[in-house]
Amino acid sequence: MVGPLGTGWLFVINGLSFAAILLSIVVMDTSSLRVAPPARRGGKPVREAMAFIRDDHVLRPLFIVLVIVSTFAFNYSVVLPKLADSRWGNENSFGWLLAVVSVGSLIGSLLTAGRETVSLQWFNSSVFVLAISNIALAWAPNLALAFVFSVPLGIGGAGFIASVNSISQVMSPPDMRGRLLALGAVAFLGSTPVGGPVTGWIADHVSPEWSLGYGGVIALLCCAWMASVMKRQPQSVA
């Protein structure tokens, strides 16, 4: 769509797509909402939230894995343009690859939302799927298989993020839930300035394949570590 419409019109269309969300908020029946008690003011909310995570035997490893995996295994948008050109010989396939990843993300979100409980096992399984998909996509021999591997990449990524949010919300008291959501967003989005340049450097100085595959290897190590944590501690569910 960038070709026939131009980048500017795509931004306009994307902005208009938020009309559905705004409309749903406007027509919402506010009388059915439960009013939560206001959180106490003062103190050091960020420091308190980080201390809460540090002292919780479930949230601590959860957020450690979140930071590491978000930093190194979620940079496929940086790598795929170069892989599409150098490995699969079709630079125009980048947009289609992201579209297929998005389809997988929708599936992963629905699978996680459809579960009665979201456990650490589900979280770790999502990390495993994300890791293997990164590695498989990095060395996909042709574009057709790249499309195939892009689906589980999206499934694992969406399941990973949705699991973090679900578990952290259920494992925390009401006054901490918003803070944990904020810290999770910072860990996921704020890690890009670190992981992006590292990934770009590997693509330029090692190979495009390893710039995607190394994140999968790191995610596999995190998966193994989380599995050992779950063996030592009782599994908690959300």
C-alpha atoms as a PDB file:
ATOM      1  CA  MET A   1       0.000   0.000   0.000  1.00  0.00           C
ATOM      2  CA  VAL A   2       2.974   2.329   0.415  1.00  0.00           C
ATOM      3  CA  GLY A   3       3.583   2.219  -3.337  1.00  0.00           C
ATOM      4  CA  PRO A   4       0.152   3.262  -4.657  1.00  0.00           C
ATOM      5  CA  LEU A   5      -0.963   5.418  -1.711  1.00  0.00           C
ATOM      6  CA  GLY A   6       2.222   6.837  -0.234  1.00  0.00           C
ATOM      7  CA  THR A   7       3.441   6.868   3.350  1.00  0.00           C
ATOM      8  CA  GLY A   8       1.462   9.970   4.329  1.00  0.00           C
ATOM      9  CA  TRP A   9      -1.925   8.494   3.454  1.00  0.00           C
ATOM     10  CA  LEU A  10      -1.098   5.333   5.384  1.00  0.00           C
ATOM     11  CA  PHE A  11      -0.543   7.445   8.499  1.00  0.00           C
ATOM     12  CA  VAL A  12      -3.942   9.078   7.889  1.00  0.00           C
ATOM     13  CA  ILE A  13      -5.660   5.696   7.478  1.00  0.00           C
ATOM     14  CA  ASN A  14      -3.979   4.390  10.612  1.00  0.00           C
ATOM     15  CA  GLY A  15      -5.173   7.433  12.548  1.00  0.00           C
ATOM     16  CA  LEU A  16      -8.744   7.005  11.299  1.00  0.00           C
ATOM     17  CA  SER A  17      -8.712   3.368  12.390  1.00  0.00           C
ATOM     18  CA  PHE A  18      -8.675   4.550  16.009  1.00  0.00           C
ATOM     19  CA  ALA A  19     -12.191   5.950  15.515  1.00  0.00           C
ATOM     20  CA  ALA A  20     -13.617   2.526  16.365  1.00  0.00           C
ATOM     21  CA  ILE A  21     -11.802   2.517  19.715  1.00  0.00           C
ATOM     22  CA  LEU A  22     -12.924   6.052  20.529  1.00  0.00           C
ATOM     23  CA  LEU A  23     -16.509   5.210  19.566  1.00  0.00           C
ATOM     24  CA  SER A  24     -16.522   2.137  21.818  1.00  0.00           C
ATOM     25  CA  ILE A  25     -15.395   4.300  24.739  1.00  0.00           C
ATOM     26  CA  VAL A  26     -18.099   6.895  24.048  1.00  0.00           C
ATOM     27  CA  VAL A  27     -20.939   4.329  23.949  1.00  0.00           C
ATOM     28  CA  MET A  28     -19.667   2.474  27.023  1.00  0.00           C
ATOM     29  CA  ASP A  29     -22.216   2.161  29.855  1.00  0.00           C
ATOM     30  CA  THR A  30     -20.304   3.864  32.648  1.00  0.00           C
ATOM     31  CA  SER A  31     -23.023   3.044  35.183  1.00  0.00           C
ATOM     32  CA  SER A  32     -21.957  -0.605  35.039  1.00  0.00           C
ATOM     33  CA  LEU A  33     -18.367   0.163  35.972  1.00  0.00           C
ATOM     34  CA  ARG A  34     -17.089  -0.467  39.468  1.00  0.00           C
ATOM     35  CA  VAL A  35     -15.311   2.525  40.892  1.00  0.00           C
ATOM     36  CA  ALA A  36     -11.991   1.495  42.420  1.00  0.00           C
ATOM     37  CA  PRO A  37     -10.790   3.272  45.551  1.00  0.00           C
ATOM     38  CA  PRO A  38      -8.246   5.967  44.685  1.00  0.00           C
ATOM     39  CA  ALA A  39      -4.622   5.007  45.178  1.00  0.00           C
ATOM     40  CA  ARG A  40      -2.744   6.750  47.930  1.00  0.00           C
ATOM     41  CA  ARG A  41      -0.700   9.744  46.909  1.00  0.00           C
ATOM     42  CA  GLY A  42       2.884  10.515  47.732  1.00  0.00           C
ATOM     43  CA  GLY A  43       5.809   8.211  48.291  1.00  0.00           C
ATOM     44  CA  LYS A  44       8.032   6.906  45.516  1.00  0.00           C
ATOM     45  CA  PRO A  45       5.737   4.840  43.270  1.00  0.00           C
ATOM     46  CA  VAL A  46       8.369   3.646  40.788  1.00  0.00           C
ATOM     47  CA  ARG A  47      10.823   2.604  43.479  1.00  0.00           C
ATOM     48  CA  GLU A  48       8.035   0.890  45.421  1.00  0.00           C
ATOM     49  CA  ALA A  49       6.938  -1.028  42.323  1.00  0.00           C
ATOM     50  CA  MET A  50      10.495  -2.167  41.592  1.00  0.00           C
ATOM     51  CA  ALA A  51      10.909  -3.251  45.210  1.00  0.00           C
ATOM     52  CA  PHE A  52       7.635  -5.172  44.955  1.00  0.00           C
ATOM     53  CA  ILE A  53       8.902  -7.014  41.873  1.00  0.00           C
ATOM     54  CA  ARG A  54      12.275  -7.693  43.504  1.00  0.00           C
ATOM     55  CA  ASP A  55      10.675  -9.265  46.576  1.00  0.00           C
ATOM     56  CA  ASP A  56       8.165 -11.441  44.689  1.00  0.00           C
ATOM     57  CA  HIS A  57       9.471 -14.895  43.745  1.00  0.00           C
ATOM     58  CA  VAL A  58       7.236 -15.052  40.644  1.00  0.00           C
ATOM     59  CA  LEU A  59       7.414 -11.499  39.331  1.00  0.00           C
ATOM     60  CA  ARG A  60      11.183 -11.174  39.749  1.00  0.00           C
ATOM     61  CA  PRO A  61      12.153 -13.880  37.211  1.00  0.00           C
ATOM     62  CA  LEU A  62       9.196 -12.900  35.032  1.00  0.00           C
ATOM     63  CA  PHE A  63      10.442  -9.334  34.630  1.00  0.00           C
ATOM     64  CA  ILE A  64      14.074 -10.410  34.244  1.00  0.00           C
ATOM     65  CA  VAL A  65      13.089 -12.561  31.271  1.00  0.00           C
ATOM     66  CA  LEU A  66      10.855  -9.761  29.967  1.00  0.00           C
ATOM     67  CA  VAL A  67      13.746  -7.286  29.895  1.00  0.00           C
ATOM     68  CA  ILE A  68      16.249  -9.673  28.281  1.00  0.00           C
ATOM     69  CA  VAL A  69      13.911 -11.145  25.665  1.00  0.00           C
ATOM     70  CA  SER A  70      12.431  -7.741  24.783  1.00  0.00           C
ATOM     71  CA  THR A  71      15.927  -6.338  24.296  1.00  0.00           C
ATOM     72  CA  PHE A  72      17.375  -9.041  22.071  1.00  0.00           C
ATOM     73  CA  ALA A  73      14.576 -11.201  20.594  1.00  0.00           C
ATOM     74  CA  PHE A  74      12.065  -8.578  19.447  1.00  0.00           C
ATOM     75  CA  ASN A  75      14.148  -6.764  16.839  1.00  0.00           C
ATOM     76  CA  TYR A  76      12.861  -8.589  13.775  1.00  0.00           C
ATOM     77  CA  SER A  77      11.490  -5.328  12.336  1.00  0.00           C
ATOM     78  CA  VAL A  78      15.109  -4.112  12.209  1.00  0.00           C
ATOM     79  CA  VAL A  79      16.405  -7.277  10.564  1.00  0.00           C
ATOM     80  CA  LEU A  80      13.668  -8.417   8.188  1.00  0.00           C
ATOM     81  CA  PRO A  81      14.257  -5.704   5.548  1.00  0.00           C
ATOM     82  CA  LYS A  82      17.870  -6.812   5.180  1.00  0.00           C
ATOM     83  CA  LEU A  83      16.986 -10.518   5.228  1.00  0.00           C
ATOM     84  CA  ALA A  84      14.242  -9.991   2.668  1.00  0.00           C
ATOM     85  CA  ASP A  85      16.759  -8.394   0.319  1.00  0.00           C
ATOM     86  CA  SER A  86      19.965 -10.352   0.930  1.00  0.00           C
ATOM     87  CA  ARG A  87      18.658 -13.835   1.717  1.00  0.00           C
ATOM     88  CA  TRP A  88      15.327 -14.126  -0.073  1.00  0.00           C
ATOM     89  CA  GLY A  89      16.029 -11.656  -2.883  1.00  0.00           C
ATOM     90  CA  ASN A  90      12.782  -9.721  -2.570  1.00  0.00           C
ATOM     91  CA  GLU A  91      12.967  -6.494  -0.597  1.00  0.00           C
ATOM     92  CA  ASN A  92       9.263  -5.846  -1.239  1.00  0.00           C
ATOM     93  CA  SER A  93       8.355  -8.916   0.841  1.00  0.00           C
ATOM     94  CA  PHE A  94       9.178  -7.094   4.087  1.00  0.00           C
ATOM     95  CA  GLY A  95       5.676  -5.669   4.422  1.00  0.00           C
ATOM     96  CA  TRP A  96       4.081  -9.042   3.760  1.00  0.00           C
ATOM     97  CA  LEU A  97       6.305 -10.705   6.340  1.00  0.00           C
ATOM     98  CA  LEU A  98       5.227  -8.188   8.974  1.00  0.00           C
ATOM     99  CA  ALA A  99       1.603  -8.782   7.980  1.00  0.00           C
ATOM    100  CA  VAL A 100       2.016 -12.526   8.523  1.00  0.00           C
ATOM    101  CA  VAL A 101       3.704 -11.875  11.885  1.00  0.00           C
ATOM    102  CA  SER A 102       0.675  -9.752  12.789  1.00  0.00           C
ATOM    103  CA  VAL A 103      -1.654 -12.630  11.947  1.00  0.00           C
ATOM    104  CA  GLY A 104       0.376 -14.826  14.279  1.00  0.00           C
ATOM    105  CA  SER A 105       0.213 -12.135  16.954  1.00  0.00           C
ATOM    106  CA  LEU A 106      -3.579 -12.120  16.730  1.00  0.00           C
ATOM    107  CA  ILE A 107      -3.635 -15.901  17.104  1.00  0.00           C
ATOM    108  CA  GLY A 108      -1.267 -15.777  20.083  1.00  0.00           C
ATOM    109  CA  SER A 109      -3.346 -13.113  21.793  1.00  0.00           C
ATOM    110  CA  LEU A 110      -6.566 -15.077  21.297  1.00  0.00           C
ATOM    111  CA  LEU A 111      -4.981 -18.304  22.528  1.00  0.00           C
ATOM    112  CA  THR A 112      -3.765 -16.585  25.690  1.00  0.00           C
ATOM    113  CA  ALA A 113      -7.060 -14.768  26.256  1.00  0.00           C
ATOM    114  CA  GLY A 114      -8.970 -18.029  25.836  1.00  0.00           C
ATOM    115  CA  ARG A 115      -7.177 -19.770  28.688  1.00  0.00           C
ATOM    116  CA  GLU A 116      -8.833 -20.025  32.089  1.00  0.00           C
ATOM    117  CA  THR A 117      -5.469 -19.545  33.744  1.00  0.00           C
ATOM    118  CA  VAL A 118      -2.227 -18.157  32.365  1.00  0.00           C
ATOM    119  CA  SER A 119       0.609 -19.978  34.068  1.00  0.00           C
ATOM    120  CA  LEU A 120       4.343 -19.549  34.126  1.00  0.00           C
ATOM    121  CA  GLN A 121       4.457 -22.689  32.006  1.00  0.00           C
ATOM    122  CA  TRP A 122       2.395 -20.950  29.310  1.00  0.00           C
ATOM    123  CA  PHE A 123       4.634 -17.908  29.573  1.00  0.00           C
ATOM    124  CA  ASN A 124       7.759 -20.018  29.189  1.00  0.00           C
ATOM    125  CA  SER A 125       6.242 -21.964  26.305  1.00  0.00           C
ATOM    126  CA  SER A 126       5.626 -18.657  24.528  1.00  0.00           C
ATOM    127  CA  VAL A 127       9.274 -17.709  25.049  1.00  0.00           C
ATOM    128  CA  PHE A 128      10.308 -21.070  23.584  1.00  0.00           C
ATOM    129  CA  VAL A 129       8.095 -20.635  20.501  1.00  0.00           C
ATOM    130  CA  LEU A 130       9.445 -17.106  20.006  1.00  0.00           C
ATOM    131  CA  ALA A 131      13.043 -18.329  20.319  1.00  0.00           C
ATOM    132  CA  ILE A 132      12.705 -21.239  17.897  1.00  0.00           C
ATOM    133  CA  SER A 133      10.818 -19.073  15.403  1.00  0.00           C
ATOM    134  CA  ASN A 134      13.554 -16.433  15.458  1.00  0.00           C
ATOM    135  CA  ILE A 135      16.178 -19.056  14.690  1.00  0.00           C
ATOM    136  CA  ALA A 136      14.088 -20.832  12.039  1.00  0.00           C
ATOM    137  CA  LEU A 137      13.160 -17.580  10.298  1.00  0.00           C
ATOM    138  CA  ALA A 138      16.767 -16.377  10.306  1.00  0.00           C
ATOM    139  CA  TRP A 139      17.893 -19.345   8.207  1.00  0.00           C
ATOM    140  CA  ALA A 140      14.720 -19.961   6.217  1.00  0.00           C
ATOM    141  CA  PRO A 141      15.982 -21.114   2.802  1.00  0.00           C
ATOM    142  CA  ASN A 142      13.218 -19.412   0.815  1.00  0.00           C
ATOM    143  CA  LEU A 143      10.466 -16.850   1.127  1.00  0.00           C
ATOM    144  CA  ALA A 144       7.685 -19.426   1.375  1.00  0.00           C
ATOM    145  CA  LEU A 145       9.192 -20.954   4.518  1.00  0.00           C
ATOM    146  CA  ALA A 146       9.881 -17.465   5.853  1.00  0.00           C
ATOM    147  CA  PHE A 147       6.145 -16.805   5.706  1.00  0.00           C
ATOM    148  CA  VAL A 148       5.488 -20.101   7.490  1.00  0.00           C
ATOM    149  CA  PHE A 149       7.938 -19.328  10.311  1.00  0.00           C
ATOM    150  CA  SER A 150       6.574 -15.802  10.684  1.00  0.00           C
ATOM    151  CA  VAL A 151       3.280 -17.147  12.046  1.00  0.00           C
ATOM    152  CA  PRO A 152       4.719 -18.832  15.177  1.00  0.00           C
ATOM    153  CA  LEU A 153       6.991 -15.810  15.610  1.00  0.00           C
ATOM    154  CA  GLY A 154       3.891 -13.691  16.076  1.00  0.00           C
ATOM    155  CA  ILE A 155       2.176 -16.334  18.215  1.00  0.00           C
ATOM    156  CA  GLY A 156       5.119 -16.605  20.590  1.00  0.00           C
ATOM    157  CA  GLY A 157       5.645 -12.852  20.805  1.00  0.00           C
ATOM    158  CA  ALA A 158       2.005 -12.043  21.548  1.00  0.00           C
ATOM    159  CA  GLY A 159       1.677 -14.926  24.000  1.00  0.00           C
ATOM    160  CA  PHE A 160       4.814 -13.739  25.756  1.00  0.00           C
ATOM    161  CA  ILE A 161       3.577 -10.149  26.225  1.00  0.00           C
ATOM    162  CA  ALA A 162       0.008 -11.144  27.092  1.00  0.00           C
ATOM    163  CA  SER A 163       1.269 -13.649  29.675  1.00  0.00           C
ATOM    164  CA  VAL A 164       3.450 -11.043  31.371  1.00  0.00           C
ATOM    165  CA  ASN A 165       0.523  -8.641  31.645  1.00  0.00           C
ATOM    166  CA  SER A 166      -1.894 -11.297  32.870  1.00  0.00           C
ATOM    167  CA  ILE A 167       0.380 -12.804  35.507  1.00  0.00           C
ATOM    168  CA  SER A 168       1.633  -9.446  36.783  1.00  0.00           C
ATOM    169  CA  GLN A 169      -1.904  -8.107  37.173  1.00  0.00           C
ATOM    170  CA  VAL A 170      -3.228 -11.091  39.096  1.00  0.00           C
ATOM    171  CA  MET A 171      -0.120 -11.397  41.266  1.00  0.00           C
ATOM    172  CA  SER A 172      -0.250  -7.765  42.422  1.00  0.00           C
ATOM    173  CA  PRO A 173      -2.567  -5.708  44.669  1.00  0.00           C
ATOM    174  CA  PRO A 174      -4.786  -3.042  43.050  1.00  0.00           C
ATOM    175  CA  ASP A 175      -2.480  -0.149  43.902  1.00  0.00           C
ATOM    176  CA  MET A 176       0.430  -1.849  42.109  1.00  0.00           C
ATOM    177  CA  ARG A 177      -1.293  -2.975  38.912  1.00  0.00           C
ATOM    178  CA  GLY A 178      -0.966   0.271  37.001  1.00  0.00           C
ATOM    179  CA  ARG A 179       2.658   0.616  38.025  1.00  0.00           C
ATOM    180  CA  LEU A 180       3.494  -2.899  36.867  1.00  0.00           C
ATOM    181  CA  LEU A 181       1.814  -2.240  33.523  1.00  0.00           C
ATOM    182  CA  ALA A 182       3.917   0.895  33.172  1.00  0.00           C
ATOM    183  CA  LEU A 183       7.142  -0.889  34.101  1.00  0.00           C
ATOM    184  CA  GLY A 184       6.298  -3.681  31.683  1.00  0.00           C
ATOM    185  CA  ALA A 185       5.790  -1.154  28.885  1.00  0.00           C
ATOM    186  CA  VAL A 186       9.102   0.514  29.730  1.00  0.00           C
ATOM    187  CA  ALA A 187      10.880  -2.856  29.721  1.00  0.00           C
ATOM    188  CA  PHE A 188       9.347  -3.830  26.379  1.00  0.00           C
ATOM    189  CA  LEU A 189       9.558  -0.526  24.498  1.00  0.00           C
ATOM    190  CA  GLY A 190      12.453   1.096  26.325  1.00  0.00           C
ATOM    191  CA  SER A 191      14.800  -1.766  25.516  1.00  0.00           C
ATOM    192  CA  THR A 192      14.786  -0.946  21.786  1.00  0.00           C
ATOM    193  CA  PRO A 193      17.548   1.709  22.037  1.00  0.00           C
ATOM    194  CA  VAL A 194      19.809  -1.030  23.404  1.00  0.00           C
ATOM    195  CA  GLY A 195      18.768  -4.060  21.382  1.00  0.00           C
ATOM    196  CA  GLY A 196      18.276  -2.241  18.078  1.00  0.00           C
ATOM    197  CA  PRO A 197      21.855  -0.974  17.682  1.00  0.00           C
ATOM    198  CA  VAL A 198      23.273  -4.328  18.830  1.00  0.00           C
ATOM    199  CA  THR A 199      21.134  -6.121  16.274  1.00  0.00           C
ATOM    200  CA  GLY A 200      22.125  -3.666  13.552  1.00  0.00           C
ATOM    201  CA  TRP A 201      25.820  -4.062  14.373  1.00  0.00           C
ATOM    202  CA  ILE A 202      25.563  -7.857  14.145  1.00  0.00           C
ATOM    203  CA  ALA A 203      23.750  -7.545  10.809  1.00  0.00           C
ATOM    204  CA  ASP A 204      26.523  -5.335   9.418  1.00  0.00           C
ATOM    205  CA  HIS A 205      29.571  -7.092  10.880  1.00  0.00           C
ATOM    206  CA  VAL A 206      28.538 -10.753  11.315  1.00  0.00           C
ATOM    207  CA  SER A 207      25.559 -11.628   9.122  1.00  0.00           C
ATOM    208  CA  PRO A 208      21.873 -10.731   8.731  1.00  0.00           C
ATOM    209  CA  GLU A 209      20.986 -14.281   9.741  1.00  0.00           C
ATOM    210  CA  TRP A 210      22.799 -14.052  13.070  1.00  0.00           C
ATOM    211  CA  SER A 211      21.312 -10.629  13.765  1.00  0.00           C
ATOM    212  CA  LEU A 212      17.969 -12.416  14.085  1.00  0.00           C
ATOM    213  CA  GLY A 213      19.222 -15.785  15.291  1.00  0.00           C
ATOM    214  CA  TYR A 214      21.235 -14.484  18.245  1.00  0.00           C
ATOM    215  CA  GLY A 215      18.050 -13.180  19.851  1.00  0.00           C
ATOM    216  CA  GLY A 216      16.535 -16.631  19.549  1.00  0.00           C
ATOM    217  CA  VAL A 217      19.569 -18.195  21.225  1.00  0.00           C
ATOM    218  CA  ILE A 218      19.367 -15.707  24.110  1.00  0.00           C
ATOM    219  CA  ALA A 219      15.631 -16.359  24.445  1.00  0.00           C
ATOM    220  CA  LEU A 220      16.318 -20.117  24.592  1.00  0.00           C
ATOM    221  CA  LEU A 221      18.778 -19.550  27.439  1.00  0.00           C
ATOM    222  CA  CYS A 222      16.144 -17.477  29.258  1.00  0.00           C
ATOM    223  CA  CYS A 223      13.644 -20.273  28.666  1.00  0.00           C
ATOM    224  CA  ALA A 224      15.997 -22.827  30.217  1.00  0.00           C
ATOM    225  CA  TRP A 225      16.673 -20.564  33.193  1.00  0.00           C
ATOM    226  CA  MET A 226      12.953 -19.972  33.763  1.00  0.00           C
ATOM    227  CA  ALA A 227      12.351 -23.725  33.625  1.00  0.00           C
ATOM    228  CA  SER A 228      14.932 -24.214  36.376  1.00  0.00           C
ATOM    229  CA  VAL A 229      13.265 -21.468  38.428  1.00  0.00           C
ATOM    230  CA  MET A 230       9.887 -23.183  38.096  1.00  0.00           C
ATOM    231  CA  LYS A 231      11.381 -26.455  39.315  1.00  0.00           C
ATOM    232  CA  ARG A 232      12.719 -24.795  42.456  1.00  0.00           C
ATOM    233  CA  GLN A 233       9.593 -22.776  43.223  1.00  0.00           C
ATOM    234  CA  PRO A 234       5.886 -23.610  43.216  1.00  0.00           C
ATOM    235  CA  GLN A 235       4.253 -22.636  39.961  1.00  0.00           C
ATOM    236  CA  SER A 236       1.869 -19.699  40.210  1.00  0.00           C
ATOM    237  CA  VAL A 237      -0.978 -19.075  37.795  1.00  0.00           C
ATOM    238  CA  ALA A 238      -2.898 -15.984  36.754  1.00  0.00           C
END
